[in-house]
C-alpha atoms as a PDB file:
ATOM      1  CA  MET A   1      15.258 -23.485  -2.929  1.00  0.00           C
ATOM      2  CA  ALA A   2      13.885 -22.555  -6.353  1.00  0.00           C
ATOM      3  CA  PRO A   3      10.440 -20.939  -6.311  1.00  0.00           C
ATOM      4  CA  LEU A   4       7.629 -23.360  -6.925  1.00  0.00           C
ATOM      5  CA  SER A   5       5.169 -22.888  -9.736  1.00  0.00           C
ATOM      6  CA  SER A   6       1.486 -23.078  -8.897  1.00  0.00           C
ATOM      7  CA  ASN A   7       1.379 -26.618 -10.332  1.00  0.00           C
ATOM      8  CA  GLU A   8       4.241 -28.017  -8.248  1.00  0.00           C
ATOM      9  CA  PRO A   9       3.598 -29.531  -4.811  1.00  0.00           C
ATOM     10  CA  GLY A  10       4.698 -27.403  -1.903  1.00  0.00           C
ATOM     11  CA  VAL A  11       6.700 -28.564   1.108  1.00  0.00           C
ATOM     12  CA  SER A  12       3.542 -29.140   3.166  1.00  0.00           C
ATOM     13  CA  GLU A  13       2.001 -31.300   0.458  1.00  0.00           C
ATOM     14  CA  ARG A  14       5.207 -33.329   0.087  1.00  0.00           C
ATOM     15  CA  LEU A  15       5.362 -33.733   3.857  1.00  0.00           C
ATOM     16  CA  ARG A  16       1.821 -35.161   3.927  1.00  0.00           C
ATOM     17  CA  ALA A  17       2.739 -37.559   1.124  1.00  0.00           C
ATOM     18  CA  ILE A  18       5.689 -39.110   2.983  1.00  0.00           C
ATOM     19  CA  LEU A  19       4.108 -38.924   6.456  1.00  0.00           C
ATOM     20  CA  PRO A  20       3.009 -42.603   6.712  1.00  0.00           C
ATOM     21  CA  ALA A  21       6.494 -43.882   5.820  1.00  0.00           C
ATOM     22  CA  LEU A  22       8.401 -41.703   8.274  1.00  0.00           C
ATOM     23  CA  PRO A  23      10.011 -43.082  11.454  1.00  0.00           C
ATOM     24  CA  GLU A  24       8.028 -42.360  14.602  1.00  0.00           C
ATOM     25  CA  VAL A  25      10.126 -39.408  15.778  1.00  0.00           C
ATOM     26  CA  GLN A  26      10.132 -37.698  12.393  1.00  0.00           C
ATOM     27  CA  ARG A  27       6.429 -38.406  11.961  1.00  0.00           C
ATOM     28  CA  GLY A  28       5.733 -36.590  15.234  1.00  0.00           C
ATOM     29  CA  ILE A  29       7.674 -33.554  13.988  1.00  0.00           C
ATOM     30  CA  ALA A  30       5.823 -33.619  10.672  1.00  0.00           C
ATOM     31  CA  GLU A  31       2.423 -33.811  12.344  1.00  0.00           C
ATOM     32  CA  LEU A  32       3.174 -30.804  14.545  1.00  0.00           C
ATOM     33  CA  VAL A  33       4.429 -28.802  11.557  1.00  0.00           C
ATOM     34  CA  LEU A  34       1.370 -29.672   9.478  1.00  0.00           C
ATOM     35  CA  GLU A  35      -0.992 -28.490  12.227  1.00  0.00           C
ATOM     36  CA  ASP A  36       0.110 -24.910  11.497  1.00  0.00           C
ATOM     37  CA  PRO A  37       2.769 -24.573   8.762  1.00  0.00           C
ATOM     38  CA  ALA A  38       2.783 -20.763   8.994  1.00  0.00           C
ATOM     39  CA  ALA A  39       3.524 -20.834  12.723  1.00  0.00           C
ATOM     40  CA  ALA A  40       6.166 -23.534  12.269  1.00  0.00           C
ATOM     41  CA  SER A  41       7.922 -21.417   9.640  1.00  0.00           C
ATOM     42  CA  ARG A  42       8.534 -18.734  12.270  1.00  0.00           C
ATOM     43  CA  LEU A  43      10.313 -21.092  14.697  1.00  0.00           C
ATOM     44  CA  THR A  44      14.050 -21.587  14.887  1.00  0.00           C
ATOM     45  CA  ILE A  45      15.307 -25.166  14.702  1.00  0.00           C
ATOM     46  CA  VAL A  46      15.931 -25.125  18.461  1.00  0.00           C
ATOM     47  CA  GLU A  47      12.403 -23.835  19.182  1.00  0.00           C
ATOM     48  CA  LEU A  48      10.849 -26.509  16.965  1.00  0.00           C
ATOM     49  CA  ALA A  49      12.988 -29.201  18.595  1.00  0.00           C
ATOM     50  CA  ASP A  50      11.848 -28.056  22.044  1.00  0.00           C
ATOM     51  CA  ALA A  51       8.199 -28.011  20.932  1.00  0.00           C
ATOM     52  CA  CYS A  52       8.499 -31.596  19.654  1.00  0.00           C
ATOM     53  CA  ALA A  53      10.763 -32.770  22.488  1.00  0.00           C
ATOM     54  CA  VAL A  54      13.329 -34.088  19.983  1.00  0.00           C
ATOM     55  CA  SER A  55      16.897 -33.276  19.018  1.00  0.00           C
ATOM     56  CA  THR A  56      17.787 -30.822  16.260  1.00  0.00           C
ATOM     57  CA  GLY A  57      19.371 -33.762  14.468  1.00  0.00           C
ATOM     58  CA  SER A  58      15.941 -35.400  14.100  1.00  0.00           C
ATOM     59  CA  ILE A  59      14.662 -32.254  12.379  1.00  0.00           C
ATOM     60  CA  THR A  60      17.668 -32.195  10.064  1.00  0.00           C
ATOM     61  CA  ARG A  61      16.968 -35.833   9.100  1.00  0.00           C
ATOM     62  CA  LEU A  62      13.346 -34.915   8.319  1.00  0.00           C
ATOM     63  CA  CYS A  63      14.595 -32.166   6.043  1.00  0.00           C
ATOM     64  CA  ARG A  64      16.788 -34.639   4.179  1.00  0.00           C
ATOM     65  CA  ALA A  65      13.868 -37.047   3.824  1.00  0.00           C
ATOM     66  CA  LEU A  66      12.069 -34.226   2.019  1.00  0.00           C
ATOM     67  CA  GLY A  67      15.050 -33.662  -0.265  1.00  0.00           C
ATOM     68  CA  LEU A  68      15.885 -30.341   1.352  1.00  0.00           C
ATOM     69  CA  SER A  69      19.373 -29.056   2.116  1.00  0.00           C
ATOM     70  CA  GLY A  70      18.530 -28.080   5.684  1.00  0.00           C
ATOM     71  CA  TYR A  71      16.151 -26.403   8.089  1.00  0.00           C
ATOM     72  CA  SER A  72      16.404 -22.967   6.475  1.00  0.00           C
ATOM     73  CA  GLU A  73      15.006 -24.414   3.268  1.00  0.00           C
ATOM     74  CA  LEU A  74      12.185 -26.100   5.214  1.00  0.00           C
ATOM     75  CA  ARG A  75      11.219 -22.802   6.840  1.00  0.00           C
ATOM     76  CA  LEU A  76      11.254 -20.992   3.507  1.00  0.00           C
ATOM     77  CA  GLY A  77       9.130 -23.719   1.948  1.00  0.00           C
ATOM     78  CA  LEU A  78       6.552 -23.587   4.747  1.00  0.00           C
ATOM     79  CA  ALA A  79       6.382 -19.780   4.539  1.00  0.00           C
ATOM     80  CA  SER A  80       5.979 -19.997   0.772  1.00  0.00           C
ATOM     81  CA  ASP A  81       3.170 -22.531   1.145  1.00  0.00           C
ATOM     82  CA  SER A  82       1.369 -20.256   3.604  1.00  0.00           C
ATOM     83  CA  GLY A  83       1.731 -17.279   1.279  1.00  0.00           C
ATOM     84  CA  ARG A  84       0.533 -19.275  -1.703  1.00  0.00           C
ATOM     85  CA  SER A  85      -2.504 -20.498   0.233  1.00  0.00           C
ATOM     86  CA  TYR A  86      -3.332 -16.914   1.199  1.00  0.00           C
ATOM     87  CA  GLN A  87      -2.948 -15.712  -2.380  1.00  0.00           C
ATOM     88  CA  ASP A  88      -5.170 -18.512  -3.673  1.00  0.00           C
ATOM     89  CA  SER A  89      -7.966 -17.598  -1.266  1.00  0.00           C
ATOM     90  CA  LEU A  90      -7.490 -13.902  -1.972  1.00  0.00           C
ATOM     91  CA  ALA A  91      -7.622 -14.473  -5.720  1.00  0.00           C
ATOM     92  CA  ALA A  92     -11.080 -15.985  -5.332  1.00  0.00           C
ATOM     93  CA  THR A  93     -12.307 -12.700  -3.894  1.00  0.00           C
ATOM     94  CA  ILE A  94     -10.297  -9.950  -5.611  1.00  0.00           C
ATOM     95  CA  GLY A  95     -12.102  -8.437  -8.541  1.00  0.00           C
ATOM     96  CA  THR A  96     -15.535  -9.508  -7.330  1.00  0.00           C
ATOM     97  CA  ASP A  97     -18.260  -7.069  -6.411  1.00  0.00           C
ATOM     98  CA  VAL A  98     -21.007  -7.225  -3.812  1.00  0.00           C
ATOM     99  CA  SER A  99     -24.623  -8.008  -4.639  1.00  0.00           C
ATOM    100  CA  ALA A 100     -27.959  -7.434  -2.941  1.00  0.00           C
ATOM    101  CA  GLU A 101     -27.944 -11.047  -1.728  1.00  0.00           C
ATOM    102  CA  ASP A 102     -24.556 -10.882   0.037  1.00  0.00           C
ATOM    103  CA  ASP A 103     -24.535 -10.920   3.832  1.00  0.00           C
ATOM    104  CA  LEU A 104     -22.365  -8.539   5.851  1.00  0.00           C
ATOM    105  CA  ALA A 105     -19.613 -11.135   6.292  1.00  0.00           C
ATOM    106  CA  GLN A 106     -19.245 -11.482   2.511  1.00  0.00           C
ATOM    107  CA  ILE A 107     -19.363  -7.715   2.022  1.00  0.00           C
ATOM    108  CA  ALA A 108     -16.629  -7.221   4.634  1.00  0.00           C
ATOM    109  CA  THR A 109     -14.485  -9.923   3.016  1.00  0.00           C
ATOM    110  CA  VAL A 110     -14.816  -8.454  -0.482  1.00  0.00           C
ATOM    111  CA  VAL A 111     -14.116  -4.900   0.645  1.00  0.00           C
ATOM    112  CA  SER A 112     -11.137  -5.976   2.753  1.00  0.00           C
ATOM    113  CA  ALA A 113      -9.649  -8.093  -0.034  1.00  0.00           C
ATOM    114  CA  ASN A 114     -10.062  -5.432  -2.707  1.00  0.00           C
ATOM    115  CA  VAL A 115      -8.724  -2.619  -0.528  1.00  0.00           C
ATOM    116  CA  GLY A 116      -5.769  -4.706   0.651  1.00  0.00           C
ATOM    117  CA  HIS A 117      -4.971  -5.730  -2.907  1.00  0.00           C
ATOM    118  CA  ALA A 118      -5.143  -2.151  -4.186  1.00  0.00           C
ATOM    119  CA  VAL A 119      -2.837  -0.870  -1.430  1.00  0.00           C
ATOM    120  CA  THR A 120      -0.324  -3.684  -1.885  1.00  0.00           C
ATOM    121  CA  GLU A 121      -0.281  -3.352  -5.672  1.00  0.00           C
ATOM    122  CA  SER A 122       0.079   0.425  -5.488  1.00  0.00           C
ATOM    123  CA  VAL A 123       3.080   0.233  -3.161  1.00  0.00           C
ATOM    124  CA  THR A 124       4.678  -2.616  -5.127  1.00  0.00           C
ATOM    125  CA  LYS A 125       4.387  -0.794  -8.452  1.00  0.00           C
ATOM    126  CA  LEU A 126       5.227   2.669  -7.122  1.00  0.00           C
ATOM    127  CA  ASN A 127       8.251   4.256  -8.786  1.00  0.00           C
ATOM    128  CA  LEU A 128      10.302   5.402  -5.801  1.00  0.00           C
ATOM    129  CA  THR A 129      12.579   7.526  -7.979  1.00  0.00           C
ATOM    130  CA  ASP A 130       9.519   9.519  -9.037  1.00  0.00           C
ATOM    131  CA  ILE A 131       8.430   9.804  -5.398  1.00  0.00           C
ATOM    132  CA  ASP A 132      11.852  11.204  -4.536  1.00  0.00           C
ATOM    133  CA  THR A 133      11.639  13.704  -7.395  1.00  0.00           C
ATOM    134  CA  ALA A 134       8.131  14.755  -6.359  1.00  0.00           C
ATOM    135  CA  ALA A 135       9.208  15.182  -2.726  1.00  0.00           C
ATOM    136  CA  GLY A 136      12.121  17.356  -3.826  1.00  0.00           C
ATOM    137  CA  ARG A 137       9.821  19.557  -5.899  1.00  0.00           C
ATOM    138  CA  LEU A 138       7.335  19.969  -3.060  1.00  0.00           C
ATOM    139  CA  THR A 139       9.967  20.893  -0.482  1.00  0.00           C
ATOM    140  CA  SER A 140      11.579  23.518  -2.717  1.00  0.00           C
ATOM    141  CA  ALA A 141       8.409  25.006  -4.221  1.00  0.00           C
ATOM    142  CA  ARG A 142       7.369  28.605  -3.614  1.00  0.00           C
ATOM    143  CA  ARG A 143       3.720  27.550  -3.729  1.00  0.00           C
ATOM    144  CA  VAL A 144       1.938  24.204  -4.129  1.00  0.00           C
ATOM    145  CA  GLN A 145      -1.599  23.909  -5.427  1.00  0.00           C
ATOM    146  CA  ILE A 146      -3.441  20.591  -4.925  1.00  0.00           C
ATOM    147  CA  PHE A 147      -6.622  19.795  -6.803  1.00  0.00           C
ATOM    148  CA  GLY A 148      -9.071  16.924  -7.167  1.00  0.00           C
ATOM    149  CA  THR A 149     -12.839  16.517  -7.321  1.00  0.00           C
ATOM    150  CA  GLY A 150     -15.236  14.088  -5.640  1.00  0.00           C
ATOM    151  CA  GLY A 151     -13.395  11.353  -3.742  1.00  0.00           C
ATOM    152  CA  SER A 152     -10.079  12.623  -5.119  1.00  0.00           C
ATOM    153  CA  GLY A 153     -10.963  16.021  -3.674  1.00  0.00           C
ATOM    154  CA  VAL A 154     -11.152  14.437  -0.221  1.00  0.00           C
ATOM    155  CA  MET A 155      -7.652  13.061  -0.746  1.00  0.00           C
ATOM    156  CA  ALA A 156      -6.459  16.492  -1.914  1.00  0.00           C
ATOM    157  CA  ASN A 157      -7.828  18.123   1.260  1.00  0.00           C
ATOM    158  CA  ASP A 158      -6.247  15.468   3.476  1.00  0.00           C
ATOM    159  CA  PHE A 159      -2.809  15.820   1.873  1.00  0.00           C
ATOM    160  CA  GLN A 160      -2.984  19.627   1.956  1.00  0.00           C
ATOM    161  CA  GLN A 161      -3.772  19.695   5.668  1.00  0.00           C
ATOM    162  CA  ARG A 162      -0.909  17.360   6.537  1.00  0.00           C
ATOM    163  CA  ALA A 163       1.647  18.997   4.240  1.00  0.00           C
ATOM    164  CA  TYR A 164       0.695  22.516   5.352  1.00  0.00           C
ATOM    165  CA  ARG A 165       1.148  21.484   8.975  1.00  0.00           C
ATOM    166  CA  ILE A 166       4.817  20.603   8.367  1.00  0.00           C
ATOM    167  CA  GLY A 167       5.569  23.850   6.594  1.00  0.00           C
ATOM    168  CA  VAL A 168       4.819  23.159   2.917  1.00  0.00           C
ATOM    169  CA  PRO A 169       3.111  26.283   1.469  1.00  0.00           C
ATOM    170  CA  CYS A 170       0.184  24.493  -0.155  1.00  0.00           C
ATOM    171  CA  TRP A 171      -3.479  25.177  -0.846  1.00  0.00           C
ATOM    172  CA  THR A 172      -6.412  23.276  -2.300  1.00  0.00           C
ATOM    173  CA  TRP A 173      -9.702  24.392  -3.792  1.00  0.00           C
ATOM    174  CA  SER A 174     -13.155  22.834  -4.014  1.00  0.00           C
ATOM    175  CA  ASP A 175     -14.341  25.257  -6.693  1.00  0.00           C
ATOM    176  CA  THR A 176     -13.024  24.739 -10.240  1.00  0.00           C
ATOM    177  CA  HIS A 177     -13.120  28.456 -11.080  1.00  0.00           C
ATOM    178  CA  LEU A 178     -11.032  29.299  -8.010  1.00  0.00           C
ATOM    179  CA  ALA A 179      -8.638  26.460  -8.822  1.00  0.00           C
ATOM    180  CA  LEU A 180      -8.228  27.731 -12.400  1.00  0.00           C
ATOM    181  CA  SER A 181      -7.646  31.269 -11.144  1.00  0.00           C
ATOM    182  CA  ALA A 182      -5.014  30.040  -8.692  1.00  0.00           C
ATOM    183  CA  ALA A 183      -3.347  27.926 -11.392  1.00  0.00           C
ATOM    184  CA  ALA A 184      -3.163  30.985 -13.643  1.00  0.00           C
ATOM    185  CA  LEU A 185      -1.000  32.714 -11.018  1.00  0.00           C
ATOM    186  CA  LEU A 186       1.533  29.887 -10.717  1.00  0.00           C
ATOM    187  CA  GLY A 187       5.019  30.109 -12.170  1.00  0.00           C
ATOM    188  CA  ASN A 188       8.146  28.042 -12.717  1.00  0.00           C
ATOM    189  CA  ARG A 189       8.924  27.939  -8.983  1.00  0.00           C
ATOM    190  CA  ASP A 190       5.538  26.418  -8.186  1.00  0.00           C
ATOM    191  CA  VAL A 191       3.967  22.935  -8.227  1.00  0.00           C
ATOM    192  CA  LEU A 192       0.509  21.689  -9.166  1.00  0.00           C
ATOM    193  CA  LEU A 193      -0.458  18.298  -7.696  1.00  0.00           C
ATOM    194  CA  ALA A 194      -3.488  16.855  -9.518  1.00  0.00           C
ATOM    195  CA  ILE A 195      -5.384  13.845  -8.166  1.00  0.00           C
ATOM    196  CA  SER A 196      -7.766  11.832 -10.342  1.00  0.00           C
ATOM    197  CA  HIS A 197      -8.429   8.105 -10.162  1.00  0.00           C
ATOM    198  CA  SER A 198      -9.550   7.801 -13.786  1.00  0.00           C
ATOM    199  CA  GLY A 199      -7.217  10.473 -15.122  1.00  0.00           C
ATOM    200  CA  ARG A 200     -10.107  11.732 -17.232  1.00  0.00           C
ATOM    201  CA  THR A 201     -11.836  14.278 -14.977  1.00  0.00           C
ATOM    202  CA  ARG A 202     -12.288  17.409 -17.104  1.00  0.00           C
ATOM    203  CA  ASP A 203     -12.011  19.873 -14.211  1.00  0.00           C
ATOM    204  CA  VAL A 204      -8.722  18.402 -13.014  1.00  0.00           C
ATOM    205  CA  TYR A 205      -7.334  18.226 -16.554  1.00  0.00           C
ATOM    206  CA  ASP A 206      -8.141  21.891 -17.204  1.00  0.00           C
ATOM    207  CA  VAL A 207      -6.549  23.057 -13.937  1.00  0.00           C
ATOM    208  CA  LEU A 208      -3.430  20.962 -14.591  1.00  0.00           C
ATOM    209  CA  THR A 209      -3.165  22.290 -18.163  1.00  0.00           C
ATOM    210  CA  GLU A 210      -3.498  25.887 -16.952  1.00  0.00           C
ATOM    211  CA  ALA A 211      -0.687  25.360 -14.431  1.00  0.00           C
ATOM    212  CA  GLU A 212       1.449  23.649 -17.072  1.00  0.00           C
ATOM    213  CA  ASP A 213       0.960  26.585 -19.463  1.00  0.00           C
ATOM    214  CA  LYS A 214       2.144  28.985 -16.765  1.00  0.00           C
ATOM    215  CA  GLY A 215       5.364  27.011 -16.243  1.00  0.00           C
ATOM    216  CA  ALA A 216       4.536  25.215 -12.980  1.00  0.00           C
ATOM    217  CA  PHE A 217       5.877  21.705 -12.388  1.00  0.00           C
ATOM    218  CA  THR A 218       2.882  19.360 -12.604  1.00  0.00           C
ATOM    219  CA  ILE A 219       2.463  16.047 -10.757  1.00  0.00           C
ATOM    220  CA  ALA A 220      -0.453  13.654 -11.245  1.00  0.00           C
ATOM    221  CA  VAL A 221      -1.664  10.887  -8.938  1.00  0.00           C
ATOM    222  CA  THR A 222      -3.802   8.595 -11.082  1.00  0.00           C
ATOM    223  CA  ASP A 223      -4.577   4.963 -11.764  1.00  0.00           C
ATOM    224  CA  ASP A 224      -3.945   5.397 -15.496  1.00  0.00           C
ATOM    225  CA  ALA A 225      -0.629   6.892 -16.568  1.00  0.00           C
ATOM    226  CA  GLN A 226      -1.805   6.870 -20.197  1.00  0.00           C
ATOM    227  CA  SER A 227      -4.926   8.928 -19.450  1.00  0.00           C
ATOM    228  CA  PRO A 228      -5.202  12.584 -20.542  1.00  0.00           C
ATOM    229  CA  ILE A 229      -4.149  13.802 -17.093  1.00  0.00           C
ATOM    230  CA  GLY A 230      -1.340  11.249 -16.827  1.00  0.00           C
ATOM    231  CA  SER A 231      -0.073  12.152 -20.299  1.00  0.00           C
ATOM    232  CA  GLN A 232      -0.232  15.898 -19.624  1.00  0.00           C
ATOM    233  CA  ALA A 233       1.579  15.911 -16.255  1.00  0.00           C
ATOM    234  CA  ARG A 234       5.363  16.122 -16.127  1.00  0.00           C
ATOM    235  CA  LEU A 235       5.514  13.455 -13.404  1.00  0.00           C
ATOM    236  CA  VAL A 236       3.005  10.661 -12.735  1.00  0.00           C
ATOM    237  CA  LEU A 237       2.631   8.740  -9.468  1.00  0.00           C
ATOM    238  CA  THR A 238       0.491   5.734 -10.312  1.00  0.00           C
ATOM    239  CA  SER A 239      -1.919   4.025  -7.955  1.00  0.00           C
ATOM    240  CA  SER A 240      -3.076   0.526  -8.874  1.00  0.00           C
ATOM    241  CA  VAL A 241      -6.723  -0.468  -8.542  1.00  0.00           C
ATOM    242  CA  GLY A 242      -7.953  -1.898 -11.822  1.00  0.00           C
ATOM    243  CA  ASP A 243     -11.514  -3.079 -12.414  1.00  0.00           C
ATOM    244  CA  LEU A 244     -12.912  -4.228  -9.061  1.00  0.00           C
ATOM    245  CA  GLY A 245     -16.580  -3.724  -9.673  1.00  0.00           C
ATOM    246  CA  TYR A 246     -19.025  -0.866  -9.410  1.00  0.00           C
ATOM    247  CA  HIS A 247     -19.461  -0.914  -5.640  1.00  0.00           C
ATOM    248  CA  THR A 248     -15.925  -1.499  -4.401  1.00  0.00           C
ATOM    249  CA  GLU A 249     -13.684   0.206  -6.971  1.00  0.00           C
ATOM    250  CA  ALA A 250     -14.316   3.704  -5.600  1.00  0.00           C
ATOM    251  CA  ILE A 251     -13.543   2.475  -2.068  1.00  0.00           C
ATOM    252  CA  ALA A 252     -10.299   0.824  -3.143  1.00  0.00           C
ATOM    253  CA  ALA A 253      -9.349   3.881  -5.226  1.00  0.00           C
ATOM    254  CA  ARG A 254      -9.356   6.143  -2.177  1.00  0.00           C
ATOM    255  CA  HIS A 255      -7.103   3.772  -0.242  1.00  0.00           C
ATOM    256  CA  ALA A 256      -4.757   3.367  -3.219  1.00  0.00           C
ATOM    257  CA  GLN A 257      -4.477   7.137  -3.625  1.00  0.00           C
ATOM    258  CA  LEU A 258      -3.998   7.540   0.116  1.00  0.00           C
ATOM    259  CA  VAL A 259      -1.072   5.129   0.318  1.00  0.00           C
ATOM    260  CA  VAL A 260       0.682   6.890  -2.593  1.00  0.00           C
ATOM    261  CA  LEU A 261       0.142  10.253  -0.921  1.00  0.00           C
ATOM    262  CA  ASP A 262       1.225   8.832   2.455  1.00  0.00           C
ATOM    263  CA  VAL A 263       4.548   7.699   0.998  1.00  0.00           C
ATOM    264  CA  LEU A 264       4.982  11.116  -0.639  1.00  0.00           C
ATOM    265  CA  TYR A 265       4.126  12.920   2.613  1.00  0.00           C
ATOM    266  CA  VAL A 266       6.660  10.921   4.630  1.00  0.00           C
ATOM    267  CA  ALA A 267       9.302  11.504   1.930  1.00  0.00           C
ATOM    268  CA  VAL A 268       8.689  15.256   2.206  1.00  0.00           C
ATOM    269  CA  ALA A 269       8.800  15.145   6.011  1.00  0.00           C
ATOM    270  CA  GLN A 270      12.045  13.144   5.899  1.00  0.00           C
ATOM    271  CA  ARG A 271      13.662  15.763   3.683  1.00  0.00           C
ATOM    272  CA  THR A 272      12.730  18.543   6.103  1.00  0.00           C
ATOM    273  CA  GLN A 273      13.137  16.822   9.464  1.00  0.00           C
ATOM    274  CA  GLN A 274      14.140  19.883  11.483  1.00  0.00           C
ATOM    275  CA  GLN A 275      11.406  22.043   9.977  1.00  0.00           C
ATOM    276  CA  THR A 276       8.872  19.224  10.348  1.00  0.00           C
ATOM    277  CA  ARG A 277       9.634  18.645  14.035  1.00  0.00           C
ATOM    278  CA  ALA A 278       9.424  22.359  14.808  1.00  0.00           C
ATOM    279  CA  ALA A 279       6.195  22.771  12.849  1.00  0.00           C
ATOM    280  CA  ILE A 280       4.476  19.784  14.456  1.00  0.00           C
ATOM    281  CA  THR A 281       5.516  20.966  17.922  1.00  0.00           C
ATOM    282  CA  ALA A 282       4.197  24.469  17.258  1.00  0.00           C
ATOM    283  CA  THR A 283       0.905  23.353  15.712  1.00  0.00           C
ATOM    284  CA  ALA A 284       0.293  20.762  18.430  1.00  0.00           C
ATOM    285  CA  ALA A 285       0.824  23.426  21.083  1.00  0.00           C
ATOM    286  CA  ALA A 286      -1.583  25.783  19.295  1.00  0.00           C
ATOM    287  CA  VAL A 287      -4.488  23.337  19.540  1.00  0.00           C
ATOM    288  CA  SER A 288      -3.565  21.668  22.841  1.00  0.00           C
ATOM    289  CA  GLY A 289      -6.135  23.706  24.758  1.00  0.00           C
ATOM    290  CA  TYR A 290      -8.904  22.112  22.709  1.00  0.00           C
ATOM    291  CA  LYS A 291      -7.871  18.567  23.614  1.00  0.00           C
ATOM    292  CA  ARG A 292      -8.203  18.641  27.395  1.00  0.00           C
ATOM    293  CA  PRO A 293      -9.814  15.559  28.935  1.00  0.00           C
ATOM    294  CA  GLY A 294     -13.162  15.781  30.670  1.00  0.00           C
ATOM    295  CA  ARG A 295     -16.444  17.406  29.871  1.00  0.00           C
ATOM    296  CA  LEU A 296     -16.829  20.331  27.471  1.00  0.00           C
ATOM    297  CA  ARG A 297     -17.457  23.660  29.171  1.00  0.00           C
END
């Protein structure tokens, strides 16, 4: 079945249009399907026949009445309709910001929609070849320095803690002077991972440039590949947030950065499975005494 444009009627809409003219058995099937098209799209033809107490042949005849080649096309059409309905409702929310008049339900809806959109867009647009290259550099590096400020600094700390735990020799700094000093000691066997949502944070740009000048391989995680930081780095992993409004953009940015870094972390762990398993076992054992159930003593 060819994909429908937003102006063409979906299978559900066509089914409603022919409903009054359908024979009784087929009308009963159509009514059940229209009660929950998304749920119906997940049923096999046998399961739908059992739910309607009809034969599979009756369902096949309904498909033909719709001009479809068979049940598979009906299921795809119903799933497509459900997805399109979800996207339409999501589009009404994405890109909006919260105001002082919004209640908590509206705030939760806006935040959820914007965060979900940012994560989905970031994963969809992520260049997996670049992720693979970045993972290779991190696993073979002598030293890895990770740097970001503000919210990006939180992401830098999170990634450093996880990567260090599986054996990647990496450090992060909260002080720009310390970060610059560390970058000055990097060489061509080292990696600098810079994180900046805007790609225009002066501190991060200066640290990345210092590492680049010393021959380190530089990687940037940013929402703007054409920004100064994106243009300066040898490899750019792009998150995708866009303009979501003053209140929610920073929230979505953290989640977008996190999903990019999560994919990178798993790619590194996959490349070093034996080392990762041994490291996680050892580090878990080291802190196990601090996770005993019961009251603190």
